[in-house]
Amino acid sequence: MDRLIKINGKNYKAAEFDLNLLCDFEDVGISLENIDAKMFNVIRQYVASSMGVNAKIAGQEITNHVANGGSLEDISDVMTAAMGDSGFFRTTQTDEKKTTTSRTGKKKSESEDVTS
């Protein structure tokens, strides 16, 4: 499903959460482990990817959007829906949780238990 982000009266096709987008995030220091802690950076990079511009230009557009009565929530709602639509992103999130769990030494899941 094609979603649109409306910024400053213009519609942009919302970027798909795929490997390329996650690599774009990593290029600017956003990983799956810190995605919640860097929400402004995530939104800015998501808009940049959707608009096909660099992060600085996207930041200026977002600033103008908010100054003229728009909200970050409008953008984050589209982004959240795109995350939910992405089988790749959901699978990656699950894999990241398994990796994090294995690093902490806690049991990953019942299906991964080994019995002797």
PDB file of N, CA and C in Angstrom:
ATOM      1  N   MET A   1       0.845  -1.177   0.000  1.00  0.00           N
ATOM      2  CA  MET A   1       0.000   0.000   0.000  1.00  0.00           C
ATOM      3  C   MET A   1       0.892   1.242   0.000  1.00  0.00           C
ATOM      4  N   ASP A   2       0.647   2.125  -0.943  1.00  0.00           N
ATOM      5  CA  ASP A   2       1.403   3.368  -0.989  1.00  0.00           C
ATOM      6  C   ASP A   2       0.814   4.368  -0.003  1.00  0.00           C
ATOM      7  N   ARG A   3       1.640   4.819   0.892  1.00  0.00           N
ATOM      8  CA  ARG A   3       1.240   5.840   1.860  1.00  0.00           C
ATOM      9  C   ARG A   3       1.877   7.153   1.445  1.00  0.00           C
ATOM     10  N   LEU A   4       1.232   8.231   1.838  1.00  0.00           N
ATOM     11  CA  LEU A   4       1.742   9.555   1.496  1.00  0.00           C
ATOM     12  C   LEU A   4       2.038  10.355   2.747  1.00  0.00           C
ATOM     13  N   ILE A   5       3.114  11.130   2.660  1.00  0.00           N
ATOM     14  CA  ILE A   5       3.444  12.098   3.705  1.00  0.00           C
ATOM     15  C   ILE A   5       3.172  13.469   3.101  1.00  0.00           C
ATOM     16  N   LYS A   6       2.348  14.256   3.786  1.00  0.00           N
ATOM     17  CA  LYS A   6       2.059  15.601   3.308  1.00  0.00           C
ATOM     18  C   LYS A   6       2.846  16.601   4.148  1.00  0.00           C
ATOM     19  N   ILE A   7       3.735  17.324   3.477  1.00  0.00           N
ATOM     20  CA  ILE A   7       4.573  18.322   4.143  1.00  0.00           C
ATOM     21  C   ILE A   7       4.509  19.607   3.322  1.00  0.00           C
ATOM     22  N   ASN A   8       4.118  20.678   3.988  1.00  0.00           N
ATOM     23  CA  ASN A   8       4.046  21.991   3.342  1.00  0.00           C
ATOM     24  C   ASN A   8       3.207  21.967   2.068  1.00  0.00           C
ATOM     25  N   GLY A   9       2.092  21.252   2.146  1.00  0.00           N
ATOM     26  CA  GLY A   9       1.155  21.222   1.028  1.00  0.00           C
ATOM     27  C   GLY A   9       1.536  20.296  -0.109  1.00  0.00           C
ATOM     28  N   LYS A  10       2.649  19.588   0.007  1.00  0.00           N
ATOM     29  CA  LYS A  10       3.076  18.658  -1.042  1.00  0.00           C
ATOM     30  C   LYS A  10       3.010  17.233  -0.515  1.00  0.00           C
ATOM     31  N   ASN A  11       2.595  16.321  -1.372  1.00  0.00           N
ATOM     32  CA  ASN A  11       2.537  14.909  -1.019  1.00  0.00           C
ATOM     33  C   ASN A  11       3.778  14.188  -1.528  1.00  0.00           C
ATOM     34  N   TYR A  12       4.328  13.348  -0.665  1.00  0.00           N
ATOM     35  CA  TYR A  12       5.481  12.517  -1.009  1.00  0.00           C
ATOM     36  C   TYR A  12       5.135  11.073  -0.701  1.00  0.00           C
ATOM     37  N   LYS A  13       5.548  10.182  -1.582  1.00  0.00           N
ATOM     38  CA  LYS A  13       5.350   8.759  -1.320  1.00  0.00           C
ATOM     39  C   LYS A  13       6.212   8.366  -0.126  1.00  0.00           C
ATOM     40  N   ALA A  14       5.578   7.814   0.883  1.00  0.00           N
ATOM     41  CA  ALA A  14       6.300   7.413   2.091  1.00  0.00           C
ATOM     42  C   ALA A  14       7.274   6.288   1.760  1.00  0.00           C
ATOM     43  N   ALA A  15       8.482   6.415   2.277  1.00  0.00           N
ATOM     44  CA  ALA A  15       9.518   5.407   2.039  1.00  0.00           C
ATOM     45  C   ALA A  15       9.113   4.080   2.661  1.00  0.00           C
ATOM     46  N   GLU A  16       9.457   3.008   1.972  1.00  0.00           N
ATOM     47  CA  GLU A  16       9.205   1.659   2.469  1.00  0.00           C
ATOM     48  C   GLU A  16      10.308   1.282   3.463  1.00  0.00           C
ATOM     49  N   PHE A  17       9.920   0.629   4.551  1.00  0.00           N
ATOM     50  CA  PHE A  17      10.912   0.156   5.509  1.00  0.00           C
ATOM     51  C   PHE A  17      11.523  -1.130   4.972  1.00  0.00           C
ATOM     52  N   ASP A  18      12.640  -0.971   4.289  1.00  0.00           N
ATOM     53  CA  ASP A  18      13.359  -2.094   3.713  1.00  0.00           C
ATOM     54  C   ASP A  18      14.830  -1.990   4.099  1.00  0.00           C
ATOM     55  N   LEU A  19      15.636  -2.863   3.560  1.00  0.00           N
ATOM     56  CA  LEU A  19      17.061  -2.867   3.887  1.00  0.00           C
ATOM     57  C   LEU A  19      17.717  -1.525   3.559  1.00  0.00           C
ATOM     58  N   ASN A  20      17.383  -0.947   2.415  1.00  0.00           N
ATOM     59  CA  ASN A  20      18.002   0.323   2.031  1.00  0.00           C
ATOM     60  C   ASN A  20      17.677   1.428   3.024  1.00  0.00           C
ATOM     61  N   LEU A  21      16.441   1.500   3.483  1.00  0.00           N
ATOM     62  CA  LEU A  21      16.078   2.537   4.445  1.00  0.00           C
ATOM     63  C   LEU A  21      16.804   2.322   5.772  1.00  0.00           C
ATOM     64  N   LEU A  22      16.862   1.086   6.233  1.00  0.00           N
ATOM     65  CA  LEU A  22      17.569   0.818   7.489  1.00  0.00           C
ATOM     66  C   LEU A  22      19.058   1.137   7.358  1.00  0.00           C
ATOM     67  N   CYS A  23      19.627   0.914   6.191  1.00  0.00           N
ATOM     68  CA  CYS A  23      21.032   1.298   5.959  1.00  0.00           C
ATOM     69  C   CYS A  23      21.179   2.816   5.975  1.00  0.00           C
ATOM     70  N   ASP A  24      20.202   3.529   5.389  1.00  0.00           N
ATOM     71  CA  ASP A  24      20.222   4.995   5.457  1.00  0.00           C
ATOM     72  C   ASP A  24      20.205   5.452   6.910  1.00  0.00           C
ATOM     73  N   PHE A  25      19.391   4.799   7.725  1.00  0.00           N
ATOM     74  CA  PHE A  25      19.337   5.136   9.154  1.00  0.00           C
ATOM     75  C   PHE A  25      20.695   4.888   9.809  1.00  0.00           C
ATOM     76  N   GLU A  26      21.286   3.731   9.534  1.00  0.00           N
ATOM     77  CA  GLU A  26      22.584   3.412  10.133  1.00  0.00           C
ATOM     78  C   GLU A  26      23.664   4.389   9.688  1.00  0.00           C
ATOM     79  N   ASP A  27      23.579   4.861   8.452  1.00  0.00           N
ATOM     80  CA  ASP A  27      24.564   5.828   7.947  1.00  0.00           C
ATOM     81  C   ASP A  27      24.571   7.121   8.757  1.00  0.00           C
ATOM     82  N   VAL A  28      23.452   7.438   9.396  1.00  0.00           N
ATOM     83  CA  VAL A  28      23.382   8.660  10.214  1.00  0.00           C
ATOM     84  C   VAL A  28      23.335   8.343  11.712  1.00  0.00           C
ATOM     85  N   GLY A  29      23.741   7.115  12.068  1.00  0.00           N
ATOM     86  CA  GLY A  29      23.886   6.766  13.478  1.00  0.00           C
ATOM     87  C   GLY A  29      22.645   6.241  14.166  1.00  0.00           C
ATOM     88  N   ILE A  30      21.645   5.832  13.405  1.00  0.00           N
ATOM     89  CA  ILE A  30      20.422   5.290  13.992  1.00  0.00           C
ATOM     90  C   ILE A  30      20.403   3.783  13.757  1.00  0.00           C
ATOM     91  N   SER A  31      20.385   3.015  14.836  1.00  0.00           N
ATOM     92  CA  SER A  31      20.300   1.566  14.713  1.00  0.00           C
ATOM     93  C   SER A  31      18.971   1.101  15.284  1.00  0.00           C
ATOM     94  N   LEU A  32      18.646  -0.146  15.060  1.00  0.00           N
ATOM     95  CA  LEU A  32      17.407  -0.687  15.624  1.00  0.00           C
ATOM     96  C   LEU A  32      17.410  -0.627  17.142  1.00  0.00           C
ATOM     97  N   GLU A  33      18.605  -0.697  17.724  1.00  0.00           N
ATOM     98  CA  GLU A  33      18.704  -0.664  19.187  1.00  0.00           C
ATOM     99  C   GLU A  33      18.399   0.713  19.767  1.00  0.00           C
ATOM    100  N   ASN A  34      18.609   1.790  18.990  1.00  0.00           N
ATOM    101  CA  ASN A  34      18.375   3.131  19.537  1.00  0.00           C
ATOM    102  C   ASN A  34      17.298   3.906  18.786  1.00  0.00           C
ATOM    103  N   ILE A  35      16.500   3.211  18.004  1.00  0.00           N
ATOM    104  CA  ILE A  35      15.503   3.880  17.175  1.00  0.00           C
ATOM    105  C   ILE A  35      14.507   4.683  18.016  1.00  0.00           C
ATOM    106  N   ASP A  36      14.135   4.190  19.182  1.00  0.00           N
ATOM    107  CA  ASP A  36      13.189   4.912  20.035  1.00  0.00           C
ATOM    108  C   ASP A  36      13.838   6.113  20.720  1.00  0.00           C
ATOM    109  N   ALA A  37      15.126   6.043  20.980  1.00  0.00           N
ATOM    110  CA  ALA A  37      15.823   7.118  21.689  1.00  0.00           C
ATOM    111  C   ALA A  37      16.171   8.300  20.786  1.00  0.00           C
ATOM    112  N   LYS A  38      16.131   8.106  19.483  1.00  0.00           N
ATOM    113  CA  LYS A  38      16.514   9.160  18.540  1.00  0.00           C
ATOM    114  C   LYS A  38      15.362   9.487  17.598  1.00  0.00           C
ATOM    115  N   MET A  39      14.174   9.686  18.163  1.00  0.00           N
ATOM    116  CA  MET A  39      12.983   9.819  17.337  1.00  0.00           C
ATOM    117  C   MET A  39      13.034  11.020  16.392  1.00  0.00           C
ATOM    118  N   PHE A  40      13.590  12.157  16.810  1.00  0.00           N
ATOM    119  CA  PHE A  40      13.676  13.302  15.899  1.00  0.00           C
ATOM    120  C   PHE A  40      14.569  12.971  14.702  1.00  0.00           C
ATOM    121  N   ASN A  41      15.682  12.308  14.959  1.00  0.00           N
ATOM    122  CA  ASN A  41      16.568  11.903  13.873  1.00  0.00           C
ATOM    123  C   ASN A  41      15.902  10.884  12.955  1.00  0.00           C
ATOM    124  N   VAL A  42      15.143   9.972  13.547  1.00  0.00           N
ATOM    125  CA  VAL A  42      14.433   8.958  12.762  1.00  0.00           C
ATOM    126  C   VAL A  42      13.427   9.640  11.839  1.00  0.00           C
ATOM    127  N   ILE A  43      12.627  10.552  12.394  1.00  0.00           N
ATOM    128  CA  ILE A  43      11.622  11.245  11.589  1.00  0.00           C
ATOM    129  C   ILE A  43      12.292  12.043  10.478  1.00  0.00           C
ATOM    130  N   ARG A  44      13.351  12.766  10.811  1.00  0.00           N
ATOM    131  CA  ARG A  44      14.044  13.574   9.804  1.00  0.00           C
ATOM    132  C   ARG A  44      14.602  12.692   8.695  1.00  0.00           C
ATOM    133  N   GLN A  45      15.250  11.593   9.049  1.00  0.00           N
ATOM    134  CA  GLN A  45      15.822  10.715   8.025  1.00  0.00           C
ATOM    135  C   GLN A  45      14.733  10.035   7.210  1.00  0.00           C
ATOM    136  N   TYR A  46      13.635   9.683   7.857  1.00  0.00           N
ATOM    137  CA  TYR A  46      12.521   9.061   7.134  1.00  0.00           C
ATOM    138  C   TYR A  46      11.945  10.040   6.107  1.00  0.00           C
ATOM    139  N   VAL A  47      11.756  11.287   6.515  1.00  0.00           N
ATOM    140  CA  VAL A  47      11.261  12.307   5.591  1.00  0.00           C
ATOM    141  C   VAL A  47      12.270  12.531   4.471  1.00  0.00           C
ATOM    142  N   ALA A  48      13.558  12.590   4.802  1.00  0.00           N
ATOM    143  CA  ALA A  48      14.592  12.773   3.781  1.00  0.00           C
ATOM    144  C   ALA A  48      14.524  11.652   2.744  1.00  0.00           C
ATOM    145  N   SER A  49      14.400  10.425   3.206  1.00  0.00           N
ATOM    146  CA  SER A  49      14.318   9.291   2.286  1.00  0.00           C
ATOM    147  C   SER A  49      13.046   9.345   1.452  1.00  0.00           C
ATOM    148  N   SER A  50      11.955   9.759   2.066  1.00  0.00           N
ATOM    149  CA  SER A  50      10.684   9.855   1.348  1.00  0.00           C
ATOM    150  C   SER A  50      10.711  10.967   0.300  1.00  0.00           C
ATOM    151  N   MET A  51      11.358  12.086   0.630  1.00  0.00           N
ATOM    152  CA  MET A  51      11.422  13.227  -0.279  1.00  0.00           C
ATOM    153  C   MET A  51      12.539  13.092  -1.314  1.00  0.00           C
ATOM    154  N   GLY A  52      13.519  12.236  -1.034  1.00  0.00           N
ATOM    155  CA  GLY A  52      14.664  12.096  -1.930  1.00  0.00           C
ATOM    156  C   GLY A  52      15.649  13.248  -1.791  1.00  0.00           C
ATOM    157  N   VAL A  53      15.775  13.755  -0.556  1.00  0.00           N
ATOM    158  CA  VAL A  53      16.688  14.871  -0.277  1.00  0.00           C
ATOM    159  C   VAL A  53      17.590  14.493   0.896  1.00  0.00           C
ATOM    160  N   ASN A  54      18.547  15.362   1.220  1.00  0.00           N
ATOM    161  CA  ASN A  54      19.392  15.067   2.378  1.00  0.00           C
ATOM    162  C   ASN A  54      18.670  15.455   3.673  1.00  0.00           C
ATOM    163  N   ALA A  55      19.227  15.034   4.788  1.00  0.00           N
ATOM    164  CA  ALA A  55      18.585  15.228   6.090  1.00  0.00           C
ATOM    165  C   ALA A  55      18.436  16.705   6.454  1.00  0.00           C
ATOM    166  N   LYS A  56      19.391  17.528   6.085  1.00  0.00           N
ATOM    167  CA  LYS A  56      19.316  18.961   6.400  1.00  0.00           C
ATOM    168  C   LYS A  56      18.113  19.606   5.717  1.00  0.00           C
ATOM    169  N   ILE A  57      17.918  19.303   4.442  1.00  0.00           N
ATOM    170  CA  ILE A  57      16.775  19.854   3.714  1.00  0.00           C
ATOM    171  C   ILE A  57      15.477  19.329   4.318  1.00  0.00           C
ATOM    172  N   ALA A  58      15.453  18.039   4.644  1.00  0.00           N
ATOM    173  CA  ALA A  58      14.255  17.469   5.265  1.00  0.00           C
ATOM    174  C   ALA A  58      13.967  18.166   6.591  1.00  0.00           C
ATOM    175  N   GLY A  59      15.001  18.443   7.363  1.00  0.00           N
ATOM    176  CA  GLY A  59      14.825  19.140   8.634  1.00  0.00           C
ATOM    177  C   GLY A  59      14.238  20.524   8.449  1.00  0.00           C
ATOM    178  N   GLN A  60      14.682  21.227   7.418  1.00  0.00           N
ATOM    179  CA  GLN A  60      14.130  22.555   7.127  1.00  0.00           C
ATOM    180  C   GLN A  60      12.660  22.452   6.734  1.00  0.00           C
ATOM    181  N   GLU A  61      12.341  21.452   5.921  1.00  0.00           N
ATOM    182  CA  GLU A  61      10.955  21.261   5.495  1.00  0.00           C
ATOM    183  C   GLU A  61      10.055  20.907   6.687  1.00  0.00           C
ATOM    184  N   ILE A  62      10.546  20.060   7.567  1.00  0.00           N
ATOM    185  CA  ILE A  62       9.773  19.693   8.765  1.00  0.00           C
ATOM    186  C   ILE A  62       9.582  20.914   9.655  1.00  0.00           C
ATOM    187  N   THR A  63      10.628  21.704   9.836  1.00  0.00           N
ATOM    188  CA  THR A  63      10.533  22.918  10.647  1.00  0.00           C
ATOM    189  C   THR A  63       9.463  23.857  10.082  1.00  0.00           C
ATOM    190  N   ASN A  64       9.488  24.070   8.771  1.00  0.00           N
ATOM    191  CA  ASN A  64       8.478  24.915   8.130  1.00  0.00           C
ATOM    192  C   ASN A  64       7.080  24.319   8.277  1.00  0.00           C
ATOM    193  N   HIS A  65       6.988  23.013   8.133  1.00  0.00           N
ATOM    194  CA  HIS A  65       5.715  22.304   8.253  1.00  0.00           C
ATOM    195  C   HIS A  65       5.102  22.548   9.634  1.00  0.00           C
ATOM    196  N   VAL A  66       5.900  22.381  10.670  1.00  0.00           N
ATOM    197  CA  VAL A  66       5.410  22.563  12.045  1.00  0.00           C
ATOM    198  C   VAL A  66       5.106  24.042  12.309  1.00  0.00           C
ATOM    199  N   ALA A  67       5.969  24.936  11.828  1.00  0.00           N
ATOM    200  CA  ALA A  67       5.763  26.381  12.028  1.00  0.00           C
ATOM    201  C   ALA A  67       4.476  26.869  11.370  1.00  0.00           C
ATOM    202  N   ASN A  68       4.052  26.181  10.320  1.00  0.00           N
ATOM    203  CA  ASN A  68       2.842  26.571   9.597  1.00  0.00           C
ATOM    204  C   ASN A  68       1.613  25.760  10.000  1.00  0.00           C
ATOM    205  N   GLY A  69       1.678  25.134  11.178  1.00  0.00           N
ATOM    206  CA  GLY A  69       0.504  24.454  11.709  1.00  0.00           C
ATOM    207  C   GLY A  69       0.480  22.942  11.546  1.00  0.00           C
ATOM    208  N   GLY A  70       1.456  22.381  10.859  1.00  0.00           N
ATOM    209  CA  GLY A  70       1.527  20.927  10.738  1.00  0.00           C
ATOM    210  C   GLY A  70       2.048  20.322  12.026  1.00  0.00           C
ATOM    211  N   SER A  71       2.048  19.011  12.090  1.00  0.00           N
ATOM    212  CA  SER A  71       2.552  18.375  13.304  1.00  0.00           C
ATOM    213  C   SER A  71       3.503  17.232  12.974  1.00  0.00           C
ATOM    214  N   LEU A  72       4.361  16.935  13.927  1.00  0.00           N
ATOM    215  CA  LEU A  72       5.233  15.765  13.795  1.00  0.00           C
ATOM    216  C   LEU A  72       4.416  14.481  13.875  1.00  0.00           C
ATOM    217  N   GLU A  73       3.307  14.552  14.581  1.00  0.00           N
ATOM    218  CA  GLU A  73       2.463  13.366  14.736  1.00  0.00           C
ATOM    219  C   GLU A  73       1.924  12.894  13.386  1.00  0.00           C
ATOM    220  N   ASP A  74       1.580  13.841  12.506  1.00  0.00           N
ATOM    221  CA  ASP A  74       1.114  13.468  11.164  1.00  0.00           C
ATOM    222  C   ASP A  74       2.163  12.607  10.461  1.00  0.00           C
ATOM    223  N   ILE A  75       3.402  13.036  10.560  1.00  0.00           N
ATOM    224  CA  ILE A  75       4.504  12.326   9.909  1.00  0.00           C
ATOM    225  C   ILE A  75       4.770  10.999  10.602  1.00  0.00           C
ATOM    226  N   SER A  76       4.829  11.016  11.937  1.00  0.00           N
ATOM    227  CA  SER A  76       5.155   9.785  12.670  1.00  0.00           C
ATOM    228  C   SER A  76       4.055   8.739  12.512  1.00  0.00           C
ATOM    229  N   ASP A  77       2.793   9.179  12.350  1.00  0.00           N
ATOM    230  CA  ASP A  77       1.706   8.210  12.122  1.00  0.00           C
ATOM    231  C   ASP A  77       1.912   7.457  10.813  1.00  0.00           C
ATOM    232  N   VAL A  78       2.297   8.169   9.770  1.00  0.00           N
ATOM    233  CA  VAL A  78       2.559   7.531   8.474  1.00  0.00           C
ATOM    234  C   VAL A  78       3.754   6.592   8.594  1.00  0.00           C
ATOM    235  N   MET A  79       4.803   7.055   9.277  1.00  0.00           N
ATOM    236  CA  MET A  79       6.006   6.249   9.450  1.00  0.00           C
ATOM    237  C   MET A  79       5.698   4.967  10.235  1.00  0.00           C
ATOM    238  N   THR A  80       4.933   5.098  11.303  1.00  0.00           N
ATOM    239  CA  THR A  80       4.569   3.931  12.114  1.00  0.00           C
ATOM    240  C   THR A  80       3.746   2.933  11.297  1.00  0.00           C
ATOM    241  N   ALA A  81       2.826   3.448  10.498  1.00  0.00           N
ATOM    242  CA  ALA A  81       2.025   2.564   9.646  1.00  0.00           C
ATOM    243  C   ALA A  81       2.907   1.857   8.620  1.00  0.00           C
ATOM    244  N   ALA A  82       3.885   2.575   8.071  1.00  0.00           N
ATOM    245  CA  ALA A  82       4.803   1.962   7.110  1.00  0.00           C
ATOM    246  C   ALA A  82       5.647   0.869   7.764  1.00  0.00           C
ATOM    247  N   MET A  83       6.032   1.091   9.021  1.00  0.00           N
ATOM    248  CA  MET A  83       6.759   0.056   9.763  1.00  0.00           C
ATOM    249  C   MET A  83       5.890  -1.191   9.898  1.00  0.00           C
ATOM    250  N   GLY A  84       4.634  -0.984  10.238  1.00  0.00           N
ATOM    251  CA  GLY A  84       3.711  -2.105  10.402  1.00  0.00           C
ATOM    252  C   GLY A  84       3.451  -2.853   9.113  1.00  0.00           C
ATOM    253  N   ASP A  85       3.511  -2.137   7.979  1.00  0.00           N
ATOM    254  CA  ASP A  85       3.287  -2.762   6.671  1.00  0.00           C
ATOM    255  C   ASP A  85       4.476  -3.601   6.219  1.00  0.00           C
ATOM    256  N   SER A  86       5.633  -3.349   6.792  1.00  0.00           N
ATOM    257  CA  SER A  86       6.875  -3.942   6.295  1.00  0.00           C
ATOM    258  C   SER A  86       7.183  -5.289   6.943  1.00  0.00           C
ATOM    259  N   GLY A  87       7.050  -6.334   6.172  1.00  0.00           N
ATOM    260  CA  GLY A  87       7.445  -7.655   6.659  1.00  0.00           C
ATOM    261  C   GLY A  87       8.932  -7.700   6.961  1.00  0.00           C
ATOM    262  N   PHE A  88       9.733  -7.010   6.150  1.00  0.00           N
ATOM    263  CA  PHE A  88      11.184  -6.972   6.377  1.00  0.00           C
ATOM    264  C   PHE A  88      11.500  -6.341   7.717  1.00  0.00           C
ATOM    265  N   PHE A  89      10.887  -5.204   8.010  1.00  0.00           N
ATOM    266  CA  PHE A  89      11.162  -4.501   9.269  1.00  0.00           C
ATOM    267  C   PHE A  89      10.720  -5.348  10.457  1.00  0.00           C
ATOM    268  N   ARG A  90       9.537  -5.952  10.399  1.00  0.00           N
ATOM    269  CA  ARG A  90       9.054  -6.779  11.520  1.00  0.00           C
ATOM    270  C   ARG A  90       9.992  -7.954  11.761  1.00  0.00           C
ATOM    271  N   THR A  91      10.445  -8.587  10.689  1.00  0.00           N
ATOM    272  CA  THR A  91      11.372  -9.713  10.823  1.00  0.00           C
ATOM    273  C   THR A  91      12.688  -9.254  11.428  1.00  0.00           C
ATOM    274  N   THR A  92      13.175  -8.112  10.989  1.00  0.00           N
ATOM    275  CA  THR A  92      14.431  -7.573  11.515  1.00  0.00           C
ATOM    276  C   THR A  92      14.298  -7.256  12.992  1.00  0.00           C
ATOM    277  N   GLN A  93      13.176  -6.679  13.403  1.00  0.00           N
ATOM    278  CA  GLN A  93      12.942  -6.375  14.807  1.00  0.00           C
ATOM    279  C   GLN A  93      12.957  -7.655  15.642  1.00  0.00           C
ATOM    280  N   THR A  94      12.325  -8.707  15.158  1.00  0.00           N
ATOM    281  CA  THR A  94      12.301  -9.983  15.867  1.00  0.00           C
ATOM    282  C   THR A  94      13.704 -10.554  15.980  1.00  0.00           C
ATOM    283  N   ASP A  95      14.469 -10.510  14.883  1.00  0.00           N
ATOM    284  CA  ASP A  95      15.846 -11.005  14.903  1.00  0.00           C
ATOM    285  C   ASP A  95      16.697 -10.202  15.875  1.00  0.00           C
ATOM    286  N   GLU A  96      16.503  -8.885  15.937  1.00  0.00           N
ATOM    287  CA  GLU A  96      17.272  -8.022  16.838  1.00  0.00           C
ATOM    288  C   GLU A  96      16.964  -8.374  18.292  1.00  0.00           C
ATOM    289  N   LYS A  97      15.703  -8.642  18.598  1.00  0.00           N
ATOM    290  CA  LYS A  97      15.331  -9.008  19.968  1.00  0.00           C
ATOM    291  C   LYS A  97      15.985 -10.331  20.353  1.00  0.00           C
ATOM    292  N   LYS A  98      16.024 -11.289  19.423  1.00  0.00           N
ATOM    293  CA  LYS A  98      16.662 -12.577  19.706  1.00  0.00           C
ATOM    294  C   LYS A  98      18.152 -12.381  19.963  1.00  0.00           C
ATOM    295  N   THR A  99      18.808 -11.553  19.153  1.00  0.00           N
ATOM    296  CA  THR A  99      20.236 -11.294  19.318  1.00  0.00           C
ATOM    297  C   THR A  99      20.511 -10.617  20.652  1.00  0.00           C
ATOM    298  N   THR A 100      19.691  -9.616  20.991  1.00  0.00           N
ATOM    299  CA  THR A 100      19.862  -8.906  22.253  1.00  0.00           C
ATOM    300  C   THR A 100      19.677  -9.862  23.422  1.00  0.00           C
ATOM    301  N   THR A 101      18.677 -10.721  23.326  1.00  0.00           N
ATOM    302  CA  THR A 101      18.422 -11.688  24.382  1.00  0.00           C
ATOM    303  C   THR A 101      19.592 -12.650  24.519  1.00  0.00           C
ATOM    304  N   SER A 102      20.161 -13.089  23.410  1.00  0.00           N
ATOM    305  CA  SER A 102      21.276 -14.033  23.500  1.00  0.00           C
ATOM    306  C   SER A 102      22.506 -13.359  24.108  1.00  0.00           C
ATOM    307  N   ARG A 103      22.673 -12.063  23.902  1.00  0.00           N
ATOM    308  CA  ARG A 103      23.811 -11.358  24.495  1.00  0.00           C
ATOM    309  C   ARG A 103      23.636 -11.203  26.001  1.00  0.00           C
ATOM    310  N   THR A 104      22.394 -11.138  26.481  1.00  0.00           N
ATOM    311  CA  THR A 104      22.164 -10.961  27.908  1.00  0.00           C
ATOM    312  C   THR A 104      22.195 -12.289  28.650  1.00  0.00           C
ATOM    313  N   GLY A 105      22.189 -13.390  27.890  1.00  0.00           N
ATOM    314  CA  GLY A 105      22.234 -14.704  28.525  1.00  0.00           C
ATOM    315  C   GLY A 105      20.875 -15.211  28.965  1.00  0.00           C
ATOM    316  N   LYS A 106      19.819 -14.458  28.679  1.00  0.00           N
ATOM    317  CA  LYS A 106      18.480 -14.901  29.035  1.00  0.00           C
ATOM    318  C   LYS A 106      17.973 -15.850  27.969  1.00  0.00           C
ATOM    319  N   LYS A 107      17.021 -16.681  28.340  1.00  0.00           N
ATOM    320  CA  LYS A 107      16.467 -17.643  27.422  1.00  0.00           C
ATOM    321  C   LYS A 107      15.792 -16.920  26.266  1.00  0.00           C
ATOM    322  N   LYS A 108      16.067 -17.344  25.026  1.00  0.00           N
ATOM    323  CA  LYS A 108      15.515 -16.699  23.843  1.00  0.00           C
ATOM    324  C   LYS A 108      14.035 -17.020  23.693  1.00  0.00           C
ATOM    325  N   SER A 109      13.704 -18.275  23.583  1.00  0.00           N
ATOM    326  CA  SER A 109      12.317 -18.680  23.462  1.00  0.00           C
ATOM    327  C   SER A 109      12.221 -20.163  23.748  1.00  0.00           C
ATOM    328  N   GLU A 110      11.031 -20.623  24.025  1.00  0.00           N
ATOM    329  CA  GLU A 110      10.841 -22.025  24.341  1.00  0.00           C
ATOM    330  C   GLU A 110      11.254 -22.922  23.176  1.00  0.00           C
ATOM    331  N   SER A 111      11.037 -22.453  21.929  1.00  0.00           N
ATOM    332  CA  SER A 111      11.366 -23.273  20.777  1.00  0.00           C
ATOM    333  C   SER A 111      12.876 -23.445  20.591  1.00  0.00           C
ATOM    334  N   GLU A 112      13.658 -22.596  21.217  1.00  0.00           N
ATOM    335  CA  GLU A 112      15.106 -22.671  21.057  1.00  0.00           C
ATOM    336  C   GLU A 112      15.796 -23.438  22.190  1.00  0.00           C
ATOM    337  N   ASP A 113      15.005 -23.927  23.167  1.00  0.00           N
ATOM    338  CA  ASP A 113      15.585 -24.705  24.242  1.00  0.00           C
ATOM    339  C   ASP A 113      16.155 -26.007  23.722  1.00  0.00           C
ATOM    340  N   VAL A 114      17.259 -26.422  24.274  1.00  0.00           N
ATOM    341  CA  VAL A 114      17.871 -27.688  23.908  1.00  0.00           C
ATOM    342  C   VAL A 114      17.774 -28.602  25.111  1.00  0.00           C
ATOM    343  N   THR A 115      17.185 -29.758  24.909  1.00  0.00           N
ATOM    344  CA  THR A 115      17.072 -30.703  26.026  1.00  0.00           C
ATOM    345  C   THR A 115      18.008 -31.877  25.774  1.00  0.00           C
ATOM    346  N   SER A 116      18.476 -32.458  26.880  1.00  0.00           N
ATOM    347  CA  SER A 116      19.383 -33.591  26.719  1.00  0.00           C
ATOM    348  C   SER A 116      18.717 -34.861  27.121  1.00  0.00           C
TER     349      SER A 116
END
